[in-house]
Amino acid sequence: MANIPELAHQVLDVCASLKSGERVWINSWDHTIDLASGLAWECEKRNCPVIVTIQPEELWLRSIKEAPLNVVDGLPAHQAALLQETDVYIYTLGPRNPIPWDEIPEERQKLVTLWFFERNKFVEQWKAIARPRKVRVVSIEATLATPERAKVLGLDFQEWSRVMFDGCMADYHEVARRGKALLPLLVGEEDVHITTPHGTDFHFKLDKRPADFSWGLATPEKAERGEAVHLPAGAVEL
């Protein structure tokens, strides 16, 4: 569903602000190899050395469920060494199929890292390297739109995929401008009434909670905090 050269321009030039000579690591699921390969070629065209790693879904799930904890709980030394030499990290979101959480022992579910929001040893050790090096991290969330997930969610796969990849192509500088204008409205303690043409009629009260705003640009400030940018983006959340 993606026009790879156009998506590459958005991901590399706009969202990651990639500069000639910077080193890129692309991590892909097995169902997104073509996209990863296309992005890697676009990196090389920009004079940026690139390495591509592939995560097979079957191996990933079996490792989470059965592998010795010393193998899967934490950041492996060879991945840590690669991260030390990386300026921009790009990864696709997956896996292709919905995660069968009921098959993963409860005590092992914390080993799953998808968003880099998780609180586990892998993310902790990753950020300990990425933050001081200011590694810019961009994830392509649009790759969650798969036929298998669409079936479970009751969505039309073609339409879902189109919407997700179209969303990746938004003008994120304009998204940032609009989002920043909304922030002051959401961090107070006013009463809120939300309606939509679809029938939403929702009342609630704000209570001075800090707002989280994602706008699709991997800024140095986000890199210093170890935050990933997920595409498509554009959310103000409390």
Protein backbone atom coordinates (compact mmCIF):
# COMPACT_ATOMS: atom_id res chain seq x y z
CA MET A 1 0.00 0.00 0.00
CA ALA A 2 3.01 2.30 0.38
CA ASN A 3 4.82 4.26 -2.31
CA ILE A 4 8.26 3.50 -0.92
CA PRO A 5 10.24 6.45 -2.38
CA GLU A 6 7.58 8.89 -1.12
CA LEU A 7 7.38 7.18 2.27
CA ALA A 8 11.17 7.12 2.48
CA HIS A 9 11.32 10.88 1.90
CA GLN A 10 8.82 11.39 4.72
CA VAL A 11 10.47 8.96 7.15
CA LEU A 12 14.10 9.79 6.42
CA ASP A 13 14.13 13.45 5.41
CA VAL A 14 11.15 14.88 7.30
CA CYS A 15 10.59 12.75 10.39
CA ALA A 16 14.16 11.61 11.12
CA SER A 17 15.96 14.65 9.60
CA LEU A 18 18.56 12.23 8.21
CA LYS A 19 21.88 13.81 7.26
CA SER A 20 24.44 12.52 4.79
CA GLY A 21 26.89 10.13 6.45
CA GLU A 22 24.68 9.25 9.41
CA ARG A 23 24.43 5.55 10.24
CA VAL A 24 21.01 3.92 10.09
CA TRP A 25 19.73 0.71 11.63
CA ILE A 26 16.45 -0.63 10.20
CA ASN A 27 14.73 -3.43 12.13
CA SER A 28 11.93 -5.20 10.27
CA TRP A 29 9.44 -7.98 10.89
CA ASP A 30 9.43 -10.76 8.31
CA HIS A 31 6.21 -9.43 6.75
CA THR A 32 7.77 -6.00 6.08
CA ILE A 33 11.02 -7.03 4.40
CA ASP A 34 10.17 -5.33 1.09
CA LEU A 35 9.51 -2.03 2.88
CA ALA A 36 12.72 -2.34 4.91
CA SER A 37 14.72 -3.11 1.78
CA GLY A 38 13.25 -0.10 -0.01
CA LEU A 39 14.02 2.20 2.93
CA ALA A 40 17.57 0.81 3.11
CA TRP A 41 18.18 1.60 -0.56
CA GLU A 42 16.91 5.14 -0.03
CA CYS A 43 19.37 5.49 2.87
CA GLU A 44 22.25 4.43 0.65
CA LYS A 45 21.16 6.90 -2.03
CA ARG A 46 21.51 9.59 0.68
CA ASN A 47 25.08 8.46 1.42
CA CYS A 48 24.05 6.87 4.72
CA PRO A 49 25.48 3.47 5.73
CA VAL A 50 22.61 1.15 6.70
CA ILE A 51 22.16 -2.23 8.30
CA VAL A 52 18.90 -4.19 8.17
CA THR A 53 17.90 -6.79 10.77
CA ILE A 54 14.90 -9.09 10.45
CA GLN A 55 12.68 -10.42 13.26
CA PRO A 56 10.90 -13.65 12.19
CA GLU A 57 7.52 -13.81 13.94
CA GLU A 58 7.67 -17.52 14.73
CA LEU A 59 11.14 -17.25 16.30
CA TRP A 60 10.17 -14.13 18.25
CA LEU A 61 7.05 -15.70 19.76
CA ARG A 62 8.78 -18.98 20.60
CA SER A 63 11.66 -17.09 22.24
CA ILE A 64 9.27 -15.04 24.38
CA LYS A 65 7.48 -18.22 25.47
CA GLU A 66 10.34 -20.68 25.92
CA ALA A 67 13.88 -19.29 25.60
CA PRO A 68 16.16 -19.11 28.67
CA LEU A 69 15.60 -15.82 30.46
CA ASN A 70 19.29 -14.89 30.24
CA VAL A 71 18.91 -14.91 26.45
CA VAL A 72 15.77 -12.79 26.08
CA ASP A 73 15.59 -10.65 29.23
CA GLY A 74 17.64 -7.59 28.41
CA LEU A 75 19.62 -6.05 25.55
CA PRO A 76 22.14 -8.52 24.05
CA ALA A 77 25.72 -7.26 23.97
CA HIS A 78 26.00 -7.42 20.18
CA GLN A 79 22.81 -5.35 19.76
CA ALA A 80 24.13 -2.87 22.32
CA ALA A 81 27.35 -2.58 20.30
CA LEU A 82 25.35 -1.89 17.14
CA LEU A 83 23.25 0.74 18.90
CA GLN A 84 26.45 2.46 20.01
CA GLU A 85 27.27 3.02 16.33
CA THR A 86 23.74 4.09 15.26
CA ASP A 87 22.46 7.62 14.66
CA VAL A 88 18.93 6.80 13.46
CA TYR A 89 16.93 3.68 14.34
CA ILE A 90 13.87 2.85 12.22
CA TYR A 91 11.62 -0.10 12.91
CA THR A 92 8.35 -1.51 11.65
CA LEU A 93 5.63 -2.52 14.06
CA GLY A 94 4.28 -6.06 14.13
CA PRO A 95 4.02 -8.96 14.23
CA ARG A 96 1.75 -9.85 11.32
CA ASN A 97 -0.69 -11.73 13.58
CA PRO A 98 -2.30 -10.50 16.81
CA ILE A 99 -0.14 -11.52 19.76
CA PRO A 100 -1.60 -14.62 21.47
CA TRP A 101 -1.21 -13.28 25.00
CA ASP A 102 -3.03 -16.27 26.48
CA GLU A 103 -0.19 -18.51 25.22
CA ILE A 104 2.55 -16.45 26.88
CA PRO A 105 3.17 -17.20 30.57
CA GLU A 106 2.13 -14.20 32.64
CA GLU A 107 5.57 -13.78 34.17
CA ARG A 108 7.06 -13.58 30.65
CA GLN A 109 4.65 -11.06 29.16
CA LYS A 110 6.86 -8.22 30.38
CA LEU A 111 9.53 -9.44 27.93
CA VAL A 112 7.47 -8.22 24.97
CA THR A 113 8.81 -4.92 23.62
CA LEU A 114 6.90 -3.29 20.76
CA TRP A 115 6.50 0.42 21.47
CA PHE A 116 9.51 1.28 23.67
CA PHE A 117 6.94 2.46 26.24
CA GLU A 118 7.33 -0.83 28.10
CA ARG A 119 9.00 -1.05 31.47
CA ASN A 120 11.39 -3.95 31.18
CA LYS A 121 15.12 -4.59 31.23
CA PHE A 122 15.47 -4.43 27.44
CA VAL A 123 13.96 -0.93 27.19
CA GLU A 124 15.88 0.27 30.25
CA GLN A 125 19.22 -0.88 28.84
CA TRP A 126 18.35 0.35 25.34
CA LYS A 127 17.57 3.86 26.57
CA ALA A 128 20.71 3.94 28.70
CA ILE A 129 22.65 3.84 25.42
CA ALA A 130 20.25 5.71 23.12
CA ARG A 131 19.67 8.77 25.34
CA PRO A 132 23.26 10.01 25.73
CA ARG A 133 23.95 9.25 22.06
CA LYS A 134 20.71 11.07 21.07
CA VAL A 135 19.66 8.26 18.74
CA ARG A 136 16.59 9.36 16.78
CA VAL A 137 13.97 6.60 16.73
CA VAL A 138 11.13 6.33 14.22
CA SER A 139 8.65 3.46 14.11
CA ILE A 140 6.27 2.74 11.24
CA GLU A 141 3.05 1.79 13.01
CA ALA A 142 1.20 1.53 9.69
CA THR A 143 2.64 -1.98 9.24
CA LEU A 144 0.24 -3.19 11.94
CA ALA A 145 -2.41 -3.12 9.20
CA THR A 146 -2.29 -6.73 8.05
CA PRO A 147 -5.00 -9.05 6.68
CA GLU A 148 -4.72 -11.20 9.81
CA ARG A 149 -5.22 -8.31 12.22
CA ALA A 150 -7.95 -6.78 10.05
CA LYS A 151 -9.93 -10.03 10.20
CA VAL A 152 -9.81 -10.14 13.99
CA LEU A 153 -10.75 -6.46 14.28
CA GLY A 154 -13.52 -6.64 11.70
CA LEU A 155 -11.86 -4.07 9.43
CA ASP A 156 -11.50 -3.87 5.67
CA PHE A 157 -7.78 -4.57 5.22
CA GLN A 158 -7.30 -2.53 2.04
CA GLU A 159 -9.04 0.52 3.51
CA TRP A 160 -7.26 0.24 6.86
CA SER A 161 -3.86 -0.08 5.21
CA ARG A 162 -4.59 2.86 2.90
CA VAL A 163 -5.63 5.08 5.81
CA MET A 164 -2.59 4.11 7.89
CA PHE A 165 -0.06 4.77 5.13
CA ASP A 166 -1.83 7.95 4.01
CA GLY A 167 -1.57 9.10 7.62
CA CYS A 168 2.19 8.60 7.50
CA MET A 169 2.34 11.21 4.75
CA ALA A 170 0.73 14.03 6.75
CA ASP A 171 2.37 17.44 7.02
CA TYR A 172 3.85 16.88 10.47
CA HIS A 173 5.08 20.43 10.81
CA GLU A 174 1.45 21.52 10.48
CA VAL A 175 0.39 18.73 12.87
CA ALA A 176 2.91 20.08 15.38
CA ARG A 177 1.58 23.62 14.99
CA ARG A 178 -2.02 22.56 15.58
CA GLY A 179 -1.17 20.20 18.42
CA LYS A 180 0.85 22.79 20.30
CA ALA A 181 -2.11 25.18 20.02
CA LEU A 182 -4.33 22.56 21.68
CA LEU A 183 -2.01 21.81 24.61
CA PRO A 184 -2.94 24.85 26.74
CA LEU A 185 -6.62 23.88 26.46
CA LEU A 186 -6.02 20.41 27.90
CA VAL A 187 -3.78 20.95 30.91
CA GLY A 188 -6.14 22.99 33.08
CA GLU A 189 -9.15 21.87 35.12
CA GLU A 190 -12.08 22.92 32.96
CA ASP A 191 -15.23 20.97 32.16
CA VAL A 192 -15.15 19.39 28.71
CA HIS A 193 -17.99 18.39 26.39
CA ILE A 194 -17.09 16.42 23.24
CA THR A 195 -19.54 15.69 20.42
CA THR A 196 -19.07 14.29 16.92
CA PRO A 197 -21.39 13.73 13.93
CA HIS A 198 -21.21 10.02 14.75
CA GLY A 199 -23.11 10.46 18.01
CA THR A 200 -20.35 10.96 20.57
CA ASP A 201 -21.66 12.96 23.55
CA PHE A 202 -19.07 12.84 26.31
CA HIS A 203 -18.64 15.01 29.41
CA PHE A 204 -15.60 15.01 31.70
CA LYS A 205 -13.45 17.32 33.81
CA LEU A 206 -9.74 18.03 33.42
CA ASP A 207 -7.56 17.86 36.53
CA LYS A 208 -4.24 19.49 35.56
CA ARG A 209 -2.65 16.33 34.22
CA PRO A 210 0.40 16.80 31.95
CA ALA A 211 -0.37 16.29 28.25
CA ASP A 212 1.56 13.93 25.98
CA PHE A 213 1.81 15.12 22.38
CA SER A 214 3.09 13.10 19.42
CA TRP A 215 3.60 14.91 16.13
CA GLY A 216 5.78 12.70 13.95
CA LEU A 217 9.12 14.52 14.17
CA ALA A 218 12.09 12.85 15.87
CA THR A 219 13.48 15.98 17.49
CA PRO A 220 16.73 16.14 19.51
CA GLU A 221 14.55 16.71 22.61
CA LYS A 222 12.72 13.44 22.00
CA ALA A 223 16.01 11.66 21.39
CA GLU A 224 17.39 12.95 24.69
CA ARG A 225 14.34 11.48 26.45
CA GLY A 226 14.67 8.16 24.62
CA GLU A 227 11.26 8.58 22.98
CA ALA A 228 10.26 6.92 19.72
CA VAL A 229 8.15 8.65 17.07
CA HIS A 230 5.33 6.46 15.73
CA LEU A 231 3.90 6.98 12.24
CA PRO A 232 1.14 7.85 11.56
CA ALA A 233 1.26 10.45 14.33
CA GLY A 234 -0.80 13.32 15.62
CA ALA A 235 -2.17 12.75 19.11
CA VAL A 236 -2.64 14.88 22.19
CA GLU A 237 -3.25 12.60 25.14
CA LEU A 238 -3.97 12.84 28.85
